[in-house]
Amino acid sequence: MSKTLPASPSGPSVSAPVSASAPSPWASRADRRQQREVKRLAVLSAAAQLFNERGFHATSLDDIAARLNVSKPTLYYYVKNKD
């Protein structure tokens, strides 16, 4: 079954396949929670490794972010602070 959607108010129509049995492309709430927990544990693991290598006070959030190849604000999404 196809549903016709306008591409733009004045442009041509575009057909998009719609199937009642197709799985949703969006993750379920439980899946999102699980993915977030996996990432949070990765942050904690990287932090623990750096604390062991450099010491707690010598390790910055920038160091942890660099180890994970993410931005520092991303870390704050998963943990509140270095403690």
PDB file of N, CA and C in Angstrom:
ATOM      1  N   MET A   1       0.845  -1.160   0.000  1.00  0.00           N
ATOM      2  CA  MET A   1       0.000   0.000   0.000  1.00  0.00           C
ATOM      3  C   MET A   1       0.895   1.228   0.000  1.00  0.00           C
ATOM      4  N   SER A   2       0.559   2.237  -0.772  1.00  0.00           N
ATOM      5  CA  SER A   2       1.322   3.478  -0.830  1.00  0.00           C
ATOM      6  C   SER A   2       0.435   4.630  -0.441  1.00  0.00           C
ATOM      7  N   LYS A   3       1.047   5.593   0.155  1.00  0.00           N
ATOM      8  CA  LYS A   3       0.345   6.809   0.525  1.00  0.00           C
ATOM      9  C   LYS A   3       1.014   7.937  -0.234  1.00  0.00           C
ATOM     10  N   THR A   4       0.239   8.787  -0.853  1.00  0.00           N
ATOM     11  CA  THR A   4       0.797   9.885  -1.623  1.00  0.00           C
ATOM     12  C   THR A   4       0.895  11.115  -0.742  1.00  0.00           C
ATOM     13  N   LEU A   5       2.090  11.664  -0.679  1.00  0.00           N
ATOM     14  CA  LEU A   5       2.358  12.843   0.131  1.00  0.00           C
ATOM     15  C   LEU A   5       2.844  13.958  -0.770  1.00  0.00           C
ATOM     16  N   PRO A   6       2.399  15.176  -0.553  1.00  0.00           N
ATOM     17  CA  PRO A   6       2.924  16.275  -1.367  1.00  0.00           C
ATOM     18  C   PRO A   6       4.367  16.556  -0.985  1.00  0.00           C
ATOM     19  N   ALA A   7       5.228  16.738  -1.990  1.00  0.00           N
ATOM     20  CA  ALA A   7       6.632  17.055  -1.736  1.00  0.00           C
ATOM     21  C   ALA A   7       6.760  18.466  -1.192  1.00  0.00           C
ATOM     22  N   SER A   8       5.964  19.348  -1.709  1.00  0.00           N
ATOM     23  CA  SER A   8       5.909  20.722  -1.237  1.00  0.00           C
ATOM     24  C   SER A   8       4.549  21.266  -1.631  1.00  0.00           C
ATOM     25  N   PRO A   9       4.136  22.390  -1.086  1.00  0.00           N
ATOM     26  CA  PRO A   9       2.814  22.923  -1.422  1.00  0.00           C
ATOM     27  C   PRO A   9       2.601  23.102  -2.923  1.00  0.00           C
ATOM     28  N   SER A  10       3.631  23.440  -3.665  1.00  0.00           N
ATOM     29  CA  SER A  10       3.454  23.664  -5.097  1.00  0.00           C
ATOM     30  C   SER A  10       4.152  22.618  -5.950  1.00  0.00           C
ATOM     31  N   GLY A  11       4.870  21.675  -5.315  1.00  0.00           N
ATOM     32  CA  GLY A  11       5.666  20.701  -6.052  1.00  0.00           C
ATOM     33  C   GLY A  11       4.916  19.420  -6.340  1.00  0.00           C
ATOM     34  N   PRO A  12       5.599  18.471  -6.978  1.00  0.00           N
ATOM     35  CA  PRO A  12       4.981  17.193  -7.334  1.00  0.00           C
ATOM     36  C   PRO A  12       4.745  16.324  -6.105  1.00  0.00           C
ATOM     37  N   SER A  13       3.889  15.323  -6.266  1.00  0.00           N
ATOM     38  CA  SER A  13       3.609  14.390  -5.181  1.00  0.00           C
ATOM     39  C   SER A  13       4.674  13.307  -5.140  1.00  0.00           C
ATOM     40  N   VAL A  14       4.896  12.756  -3.955  1.00  0.00           N
ATOM     41  CA  VAL A  14       5.875  11.700  -3.750  1.00  0.00           C
ATOM     42  C   VAL A  14       5.153  10.529  -3.121  1.00  0.00           C
ATOM     43  N   SER A  15       5.380   9.312  -3.625  1.00  0.00           N
ATOM     44  CA  SER A  15       4.769   8.122  -3.034  1.00  0.00           C
ATOM     45  C   SER A  15       5.727   7.519  -2.024  1.00  0.00           C
ATOM     46  N   ALA A  16       5.217   7.233  -0.849  1.00  0.00           N
ATOM     47  CA  ALA A  16       6.015   6.606   0.201  1.00  0.00           C
ATOM     48  C   ALA A  16       5.342   5.305   0.587  1.00  0.00           C
ATOM     49  N   PRO A  17       6.081   4.199   0.621  1.00  0.00           N
ATOM     50  CA  PRO A  17       5.462   2.931   1.009  1.00  0.00           C
ATOM     51  C   PRO A  17       5.056   2.965   2.478  1.00  0.00           C
ATOM     52  N   VAL A  18       3.862   2.472   2.744  1.00  0.00           N
ATOM     53  CA  VAL A  18       3.361   2.402   4.110  1.00  0.00           C
ATOM     54  C   VAL A  18       2.875   0.983   4.330  1.00  0.00           C
ATOM     55  N   SER A  19       3.378   0.338   5.346  1.00  0.00           N
ATOM     56  CA  SER A  19       2.984  -1.033   5.632  1.00  0.00           C
ATOM     57  C   SER A  19       2.574  -1.130   7.087  1.00  0.00           C
ATOM     58  N   ALA A  20       1.433  -1.735   7.311  1.00  0.00           N
ATOM     59  CA  ALA A  20       0.943  -1.883   8.681  1.00  0.00           C
ATOM     60  C   ALA A  20       1.801  -2.858   9.475  1.00  0.00           C
ATOM     61  N   SER A  21       2.494  -3.784   8.789  1.00  0.00           N
ATOM     62  CA  SER A  21       3.273  -4.789   9.504  1.00  0.00           C
ATOM     63  C   SER A  21       4.754  -4.428   9.633  1.00  0.00           C
ATOM     64  N   ALA A  22       5.185  -3.353   8.997  1.00  0.00           N
ATOM     65  CA  ALA A  22       6.594  -2.955   9.064  1.00  0.00           C
ATOM     66  C   ALA A  22       6.919  -2.436  10.460  1.00  0.00           C
ATOM     67  N   PRO A  23       8.096  -2.812  10.990  1.00  0.00           N
ATOM     68  CA  PRO A  23       8.478  -2.306  12.314  1.00  0.00           C
ATOM     69  C   PRO A  23       8.741  -0.803  12.258  1.00  0.00           C
ATOM     70  N   SER A  24       8.517  -0.161  13.358  1.00  0.00           N
ATOM     71  CA  SER A  24       8.748   1.277  13.449  1.00  0.00           C
ATOM     72  C   SER A  24      10.238   1.573  13.349  1.00  0.00           C
ATOM     73  N   PRO A  25      10.616   2.620  12.612  1.00  0.00           N
ATOM     74  CA  PRO A  25      12.033   2.985  12.553  1.00  0.00           C
ATOM     75  C   PRO A  25      12.518   3.637  13.843  1.00  0.00           C
ATOM     76  N   TRP A  26      11.609   3.967  14.741  1.00  0.00           N
ATOM     77  CA  TRP A  26      11.958   4.613  16.007  1.00  0.00           C
ATOM     78  C   TRP A  26      12.152   3.558  17.072  1.00  0.00           C
ATOM     79  N   ALA A  27      13.150   3.753  17.903  1.00  0.00           N
ATOM     80  CA  ALA A  27      13.420   2.815  18.992  1.00  0.00           C
ATOM     81  C   ALA A  27      12.335   2.940  20.053  1.00  0.00           C
ATOM     82  N   SER A  28      12.011   1.829  20.677  1.00  0.00           N
ATOM     83  CA  SER A  28      11.025   1.859  21.748  1.00  0.00           C
ATOM     84  C   SER A  28      11.637   2.539  22.972  1.00  0.00           C
ATOM     85  N   ARG A  29      10.803   2.893  23.900  1.00  0.00           N
ATOM     86  CA  ARG A  29      11.275   3.536  25.131  1.00  0.00           C
ATOM     87  C   ARG A  29      12.264   2.630  25.865  1.00  0.00           C
ATOM     88  N   ALA A  30      11.958   1.341  25.922  1.00  0.00           N
ATOM     89  CA  ALA A  30      12.859   0.396  26.602  1.00  0.00           C
ATOM     90  C   ALA A  30      14.200   0.312  25.878  1.00  0.00           C
ATOM     91  N   ASP A  31      14.161   0.302  24.537  1.00  0.00           N
ATOM     92  CA  ASP A  31      15.411   0.262  23.765  1.00  0.00           C
ATOM     93  C   ASP A  31      16.237   1.518  23.995  1.00  0.00           C
ATOM     94  N   ARG A  32      15.582   2.675  24.018  1.00  0.00           N
ATOM     95  CA  ARG A  32      16.306   3.937  24.258  1.00  0.00           C
ATOM     96  C   ARG A  32      16.929   3.939  25.643  1.00  0.00           C
ATOM     97  N   ARG A  33      16.190   3.444  26.630  1.00  0.00           N
ATOM     98  CA  ARG A  33      16.724   3.370  27.993  1.00  0.00           C
ATOM     99  C   ARG A  33      17.943   2.454  28.048  1.00  0.00           C
ATOM    100  N   GLN A  34      17.854   1.322  27.370  1.00  0.00           N
ATOM    101  CA  GLN A  34      18.966   0.371  27.362  1.00  0.00           C
ATOM    102  C   GLN A  34      20.178   0.971  26.656  1.00  0.00           C
ATOM    103  N   GLN A  35      19.969   1.638  25.526  1.00  0.00           N
ATOM    104  CA  GLN A  35      21.073   2.269  24.801  1.00  0.00           C
ATOM    105  C   GLN A  35      21.731   3.348  25.654  1.00  0.00           C
ATOM    106  N   ARG A  36      20.919   4.119  26.367  1.00  0.00           N
ATOM    107  CA  ARG A  36      21.468   5.169  27.220  1.00  0.00           C
ATOM    108  C   ARG A  36      22.304   4.558  28.347  1.00  0.00           C
ATOM    109  N   GLU A  37      21.824   3.470  28.925  1.00  0.00           N
ATOM    110  CA  GLU A  37      22.560   2.823  30.014  1.00  0.00           C
ATOM    111  C   GLU A  37      23.884   2.245  29.512  1.00  0.00           C
ATOM    112  N   VAL A  38      23.894   1.670  28.321  1.00  0.00           N
ATOM    113  CA  VAL A  38      25.135   1.146  27.739  1.00  0.00           C
ATOM    114  C   VAL A  38      26.139   2.282  27.568  1.00  0.00           C
ATOM    115  N   LYS A  39      25.681   3.421  27.078  1.00  0.00           N
ATOM    116  CA  LYS A  39      26.577   4.570  26.880  1.00  0.00           C
ATOM    117  C   LYS A  39      27.049   5.134  28.214  1.00  0.00           C
ATOM    118  N   ARG A  40      26.155   5.175  29.206  1.00  0.00           N
ATOM    119  CA  ARG A  40      26.539   5.664  30.537  1.00  0.00           C
ATOM    120  C   ARG A  40      27.627   4.777  31.130  1.00  0.00           C
ATOM    121  N   LEU A  41      27.483   3.472  30.961  1.00  0.00           N
ATOM    122  CA  LEU A  41      28.500   2.546  31.467  1.00  0.00           C
ATOM    123  C   LEU A  41      29.819   2.708  30.720  1.00  0.00           C
ATOM    124  N   ALA A  42      29.764   3.035  29.432  1.00  0.00           N
ATOM    125  CA  ALA A  42      30.992   3.287  28.667  1.00  0.00           C
ATOM    126  C   ALA A  42      31.700   4.528  29.202  1.00  0.00           C
ATOM    127  N   VAL A  43      30.931   5.553  29.558  1.00  0.00           N
ATOM    128  CA  VAL A  43      31.512   6.772  30.138  1.00  0.00           C
ATOM    129  C   VAL A  43      32.185   6.433  31.467  1.00  0.00           C
ATOM    130  N   LEU A  44      31.489   5.676  32.310  1.00  0.00           N
ATOM    131  CA  LEU A  44      32.051   5.317  33.615  1.00  0.00           C
ATOM    132  C   LEU A  44      33.295   4.444  33.468  1.00  0.00           C
ATOM    133  N   SER A  45      33.284   3.545  32.508  1.00  0.00           N
ATOM    134  CA  SER A  45      34.442   2.681  32.278  1.00  0.00           C
ATOM    135  C   SER A  45      35.649   3.488  31.804  1.00  0.00           C
ATOM    136  N   ALA A  46      35.427   4.399  30.864  1.00  0.00           N
ATOM    137  CA  ALA A  46      36.527   5.245  30.375  1.00  0.00           C
ATOM    138  C   ALA A  46      37.067   6.113  31.505  1.00  0.00           C
ATOM    139  N   ALA A  47      36.170   6.643  32.325  1.00  0.00           N
ATOM    140  CA  ALA A  47      36.604   7.470  33.452  1.00  0.00           C
ATOM    141  C   ALA A  47      37.447   6.649  34.423  1.00  0.00           C
ATOM    142  N   ALA A  48      37.001   5.444  34.730  1.00  0.00           N
ATOM    143  CA  ALA A  48      37.753   4.587  35.657  1.00  0.00           C
ATOM    144  C   ALA A  48      39.142   4.265  35.109  1.00  0.00           C
ATOM    145  N   GLN A  49      39.224   3.988  33.807  1.00  0.00           N
ATOM    146  CA  GLN A  49      40.527   3.704  33.198  1.00  0.00           C
ATOM    147  C   GLN A  49      41.459   4.905  33.327  1.00  0.00           C
ATOM    148  N   LEU A  50      40.931   6.090  33.021  1.00  0.00           N
ATOM    149  CA  LEU A  50      41.761   7.298  33.109  1.00  0.00           C
ATOM    150  C   LEU A  50      42.141   7.611  34.551  1.00  0.00           C
ATOM    151  N   PHE A  51      41.234   7.400  35.493  1.00  0.00           N
ATOM    152  CA  PHE A  51      41.554   7.631  36.903  1.00  0.00           C
ATOM    153  C   PHE A  51      42.691   6.709  37.328  1.00  0.00           C
ATOM    154  N   ASN A  52      42.663   5.460  36.860  1.00  0.00           N
ATOM    155  CA  ASN A  52      43.739   4.512  37.194  1.00  0.00           C
ATOM    156  C   ASN A  52      45.060   4.916  36.560  1.00  0.00           C
ATOM    157  N   GLU A  53      45.009   5.438  35.336  1.00  0.00           N
ATOM    158  CA  GLU A  53      46.230   5.832  34.627  1.00  0.00           C
ATOM    159  C   GLU A  53      46.830   7.126  35.175  1.00  0.00           C
ATOM    160  N   ARG A  54      45.979   8.127  35.426  1.00  0.00           N
ATOM    161  CA  ARG A  54      46.463   9.476  35.742  1.00  0.00           C
ATOM    162  C   ARG A  54      46.156   9.938  37.156  1.00  0.00           C
ATOM    163  N   GLY A  55      45.212   9.280  37.795  1.00  0.00           N
ATOM    164  CA  GLY A  55      44.742   9.749  39.091  1.00  0.00           C
ATOM    165  C   GLY A  55      43.476  10.579  38.910  1.00  0.00           C
ATOM    166  N   PHE A  56      42.646  10.585  39.939  1.00  0.00           N
ATOM    167  CA  PHE A  56      41.358  11.279  39.875  1.00  0.00           C
ATOM    168  C   PHE A  56      41.535  12.770  39.616  1.00  0.00           C
ATOM    169  N   HIS A  57      42.387  13.423  40.396  1.00  0.00           N
ATOM    170  CA  HIS A  57      42.532  14.878  40.291  1.00  0.00           C
ATOM    171  C   HIS A  57      43.230  15.320  39.010  1.00  0.00           C
ATOM    172  N   ALA A  58      44.017  14.454  38.417  1.00  0.00           N
ATOM    173  CA  ALA A  58      44.731  14.805  37.180  1.00  0.00           C
ATOM    174  C   ALA A  58      43.903  14.515  35.924  1.00  0.00           C
ATOM    175  N   THR A  59      42.736  13.916  36.098  1.00  0.00           N
ATOM    176  CA  THR A  59      41.871  13.586  34.962  1.00  0.00           C
ATOM    177  C   THR A  59      40.753  14.608  34.864  1.00  0.00           C
ATOM    178  N   SER A  60      40.610  15.194  33.694  1.00  0.00           N
ATOM    179  CA  SER A  60      39.536  16.174  33.483  1.00  0.00           C
ATOM    180  C   SER A  60      38.404  15.545  32.675  1.00  0.00           C
ATOM    181  N   LEU A  61      37.263  16.212  32.676  1.00  0.00           N
ATOM    182  CA  LEU A  61      36.160  15.759  31.837  1.00  0.00           C
ATOM    183  C   LEU A  61      36.537  15.841  30.364  1.00  0.00           C
ATOM    184  N   ASP A  62      37.387  16.802  30.016  1.00  0.00           N
ATOM    185  CA  ASP A  62      37.881  16.884  28.636  1.00  0.00           C
ATOM    186  C   ASP A  62      38.662  15.621  28.271  1.00  0.00           C
ATOM    187  N   ASP A  63      39.449  15.097  29.215  1.00  0.00           N
ATOM    188  CA  ASP A  63      40.201  13.864  28.977  1.00  0.00           C
ATOM    189  C   ASP A  63      39.255  12.688  28.712  1.00  0.00           C
ATOM    190  N   ILE A  64      38.214  12.603  29.518  1.00  0.00           N
ATOM    191  CA  ILE A  64      37.246  11.509  29.368  1.00  0.00           C
ATOM    192  C   ILE A  64      36.514  11.639  28.034  1.00  0.00           C
ATOM    193  N   ALA A  65      36.114  12.851  27.696  1.00  0.00           N
ATOM    194  CA  ALA A  65      35.430  13.087  26.418  1.00  0.00           C
ATOM    195  C   ALA A  65      36.332  12.720  25.246  1.00  0.00           C
ATOM    196  N   ALA A  66      37.602  13.096  25.329  1.00  0.00           N
ATOM    197  CA  ALA A  66      38.547  12.780  24.253  1.00  0.00           C
ATOM    198  C   ALA A  66      38.722  11.269  24.116  1.00  0.00           C
ATOM    199  N   ARG A  67      38.786  10.560  25.228  1.00  0.00           N
ATOM    200  CA  ARG A  67      38.941   9.099  25.192  1.00  0.00           C
ATOM    201  C   ARG A  67      37.758   8.452  24.467  1.00  0.00           C
ATOM    202  N   LEU A  68      36.569   9.037  24.638  1.00  0.00           N
ATOM    203  CA  LEU A  68      35.361   8.474  24.036  1.00  0.00           C
ATOM    204  C   LEU A  68      35.024   9.081  22.671  1.00  0.00           C
ATOM    205  N   ASN A  69      35.816  10.075  22.254  1.00  0.00           N
ATOM    206  CA  ASN A  69      35.543  10.791  20.994  1.00  0.00           C
ATOM    207  C   ASN A  69      34.161  11.432  20.983  1.00  0.00           C
ATOM    208  N   VAL A  70      33.811  12.070  22.102  1.00  0.00           N
ATOM    209  CA  VAL A  70      32.552  12.809  22.209  1.00  0.00           C
ATOM    210  C   VAL A  70      32.859  14.192  22.778  1.00  0.00           C
ATOM    211  N   SER A  71      31.866  15.057  22.763  1.00  0.00           N
ATOM    212  CA  SER A  71      32.054  16.388  23.337  1.00  0.00           C
ATOM    213  C   SER A  71      31.807  16.330  24.851  1.00  0.00           C
ATOM    214  N   LYS A  72      32.335  17.319  25.545  1.00  0.00           N
ATOM    215  CA  LYS A  72      32.133  17.372  26.997  1.00  0.00           C
ATOM    216  C   LYS A  72      30.651  17.505  27.350  1.00  0.00           C
ATOM    217  N   PRO A  73      29.870  18.322  26.630  1.00  0.00           N
ATOM    218  CA  PRO A  73      28.436  18.368  26.954  1.00  0.00           C
ATOM    219  C   PRO A  73      27.740  17.007  26.820  1.00  0.00           C
ATOM    220  N   THR A  74      28.231  16.168  25.921  1.00  0.00           N
ATOM    221  CA  THR A  74      27.655  14.828  25.788  1.00  0.00           C
ATOM    222  C   THR A  74      27.846  14.037  27.076  1.00  0.00           C
ATOM    223  N   LEU A  75      28.988  14.201  27.727  1.00  0.00           N
ATOM    224  CA  LEU A  75      29.222  13.496  28.995  1.00  0.00           C
ATOM    225  C   LEU A  75      28.175  13.875  30.034  1.00  0.00           C
ATOM    226  N   TYR A  76      27.824  15.150  30.077  1.00  0.00           N
ATOM    227  CA  TYR A  76      26.851  15.614  31.063  1.00  0.00           C
ATOM    228  C   TYR A  76      25.468  15.021  30.837  1.00  0.00           C
ATOM    229  N   TYR A  77      25.198  14.537  29.631  1.00  0.00           N
ATOM    230  CA  TYR A  77      23.926  13.867  29.367  1.00  0.00           C
ATOM    231  C   TYR A  77      23.878  12.533  30.110  1.00  0.00           C
ATOM    232  N   TYR A  78      25.030  11.903  30.284  1.00  0.00           N
ATOM    233  CA  TYR A  78      25.093  10.573  30.895  1.00  0.00           C
ATOM    234  C   TYR A  78      25.491  10.589  32.363  1.00  0.00           C
ATOM    235  N   VAL A  79      26.265  11.566  32.788  1.00  0.00           N
ATOM    236  CA  VAL A  79      26.655  11.701  34.195  1.00  0.00           C
ATOM    237  C   VAL A  79      26.595  13.176  34.575  1.00  0.00           C
ATOM    238  N   LYS A  80      26.325  13.458  35.844  1.00  0.00           N
ATOM    239  CA  LYS A  80      26.170  14.856  36.269  1.00  0.00           C
ATOM    240  C   LYS A  80      27.494  15.573  36.464  1.00  0.00           C
ATOM    241  N   ASN A  81      28.497  14.850  36.967  1.00  0.00           N
ATOM    242  CA  ASN A  81      29.800  15.467  37.210  1.00  0.00           C
ATOM    243  C   ASN A  81      30.862  14.382  37.346  1.00  0.00           C
ATOM    244  N   LYS A  82      32.070  14.795  37.619  1.00  0.00           N
ATOM    245  CA  LYS A  82      33.188  13.856  37.713  1.00  0.00           C
ATOM    246  C   LYS A  82      33.097  12.968  38.948  1.00  0.00           C
ATOM    247  N   ASP A  83      32.436  13.428  39.965  1.00  0.00           N
ATOM    248  CA  ASP A  83      32.318  12.633  41.193  1.00  0.00           C
ATOM    249  C   ASP A  83      31.407  11.468  40.930  1.00  0.00           C
TER     250      ASP A  83
END
